[in-house]
Protein backbone atom coordinates (compact mmCIF):
# COMPACT_ATOMS: atom_id res chain seq x y z
CA MET A 1 122.50 69.53 89.30
CA ALA A 2 124.97 71.28 91.97
CA LEU A 3 127.72 70.44 90.01
CA LEU A 4 126.37 71.45 86.64
CA VAL A 5 125.51 75.23 88.15
CA ARG A 6 129.44 75.34 89.07
CA ASP A 7 130.81 74.33 85.56
CA ASP A 8 133.06 76.86 84.02
CA GLU A 9 131.19 76.15 80.94
CA ILE A 10 128.90 78.84 80.59
CA LEU A 11 127.09 76.56 78.00
CA ILE A 12 126.29 74.28 80.49
CA ALA A 13 125.95 76.20 83.74
CA GLY A 14 124.19 79.25 82.15
CA PRO A 15 120.50 77.65 81.56
CA LEU A 16 120.35 77.09 85.21
CA LEU A 17 121.82 79.98 86.56
CA ARG A 18 119.19 81.82 84.85
CA ARG A 19 115.95 79.85 85.43
CA SER A 20 116.36 77.00 88.08
CA PRO A 21 114.34 77.78 91.39
CA LEU A 22 116.08 74.81 92.69
CA ILE A 23 119.64 77.13 93.01
CA ASP A 24 119.44 78.41 96.70
CA GLU A 25 121.05 81.75 97.78
CA PRO A 26 124.15 80.65 99.35
CA THR A 27 125.37 78.48 96.22
CA LEU A 28 124.38 81.66 93.95
CA VAL A 29 126.54 83.60 96.11
CA ASP A 30 129.51 81.47 95.81
CA ILE A 31 129.30 80.78 91.99
CA ALA A 32 128.92 84.75 91.69
CA LYS A 33 132.26 85.15 94.15
CA VAL A 34 134.28 82.77 91.76
CA GLN A 35 133.26 82.76 88.18
CA GLY A 36 133.50 84.85 85.44
CA GLN A 37 131.62 87.81 83.64
CA SER A 38 129.28 85.65 81.62
CA HIS A 39 128.24 83.44 84.72
CA LEU A 40 127.55 86.94 86.56
CA LEU A 41 125.54 87.89 83.29
CA ALA A 42 123.37 84.53 83.69
CA ILE A 43 122.92 85.30 87.16
CA SER A 44 121.80 88.88 86.54
CA ASP A 45 119.18 87.23 84.24
CA ARG A 46 117.30 85.46 87.28
CA SER A 47 113.35 86.81 87.80
CA THR A 48 114.46 87.49 91.46
CA LEU A 49 117.86 88.16 92.96
CA THR A 50 118.51 89.13 96.87
CA PRO A 51 120.49 91.90 98.04
CA ARG A 52 123.64 89.52 99.17
CA ILE A 53 123.53 88.15 95.82
CA THR A 54 123.56 91.62 93.94
CA ASP A 55 125.90 93.08 96.48
CA VAL A 56 128.46 90.37 94.79
CA ILE A 57 127.31 90.83 91.36
CA VAL A 58 127.74 94.65 91.38
CA ARG A 59 131.17 94.64 93.11
CA ARG A 60 132.46 91.97 90.41
CA GLY A 61 130.30 92.84 87.35
CA ASP A 62 131.90 94.50 84.33
CA ARG A 63 129.56 97.28 82.73
CA ASP A 64 127.23 94.85 80.62
CA VAL A 65 126.72 92.68 84.09
CA ILE A 66 125.63 95.84 85.65
CA ARG A 67 123.62 97.06 83.12
CA ARG A 68 121.48 93.90 83.28
CA VAL A 69 121.33 93.83 86.93
CA ALA A 70 120.08 97.30 87.20
CA GLY A 71 117.31 96.65 84.78
CA ASN A 72 116.12 93.49 86.52
CA ALA A 73 112.89 94.16 88.27
CA GLY A 74 113.52 91.46 90.33
CA ALA A 75 116.33 92.64 91.52
CA ALA A 76 116.68 93.71 95.27
CA PHE A 77 119.62 95.82 96.52
CA SER A 78 121.18 96.68 99.94
CA GLN A 79 121.94 100.09 100.65
CA LEU A 80 125.64 99.12 99.88
CA GLY A 81 124.94 97.70 96.72
CA TYR A 82 122.75 100.25 95.40
CA THR A 83 125.38 102.80 96.30
CA GLY A 84 127.88 100.63 94.61
CA LEU A 85 125.65 100.57 91.58
CA ILE A 86 125.20 104.58 91.49
CA ARG A 87 128.92 104.86 91.95
CA ARG A 88 129.75 102.78 88.94
CA ALA A 89 127.19 104.18 86.55
CA SER A 90 128.89 107.48 86.82
């Protein structure tokens, strides 16, 4: 599974990034740092997101990604991430 979640093809990685409880936080952070917007969007759909993950998403995400993570009730934000979210919204 480790190779599948890191796949460049979102059709392969996307379902795992959205739903798999087996993907740990460091792996999600690593993927969020290097993959494109479709991967960030998939990660933004997870039922829970830690501040470490949302910090990367807020820093790298486009408008659609930012909207998705902002609307995710299970997303937790650090002070830095929350400030970035507000700045990006304006």
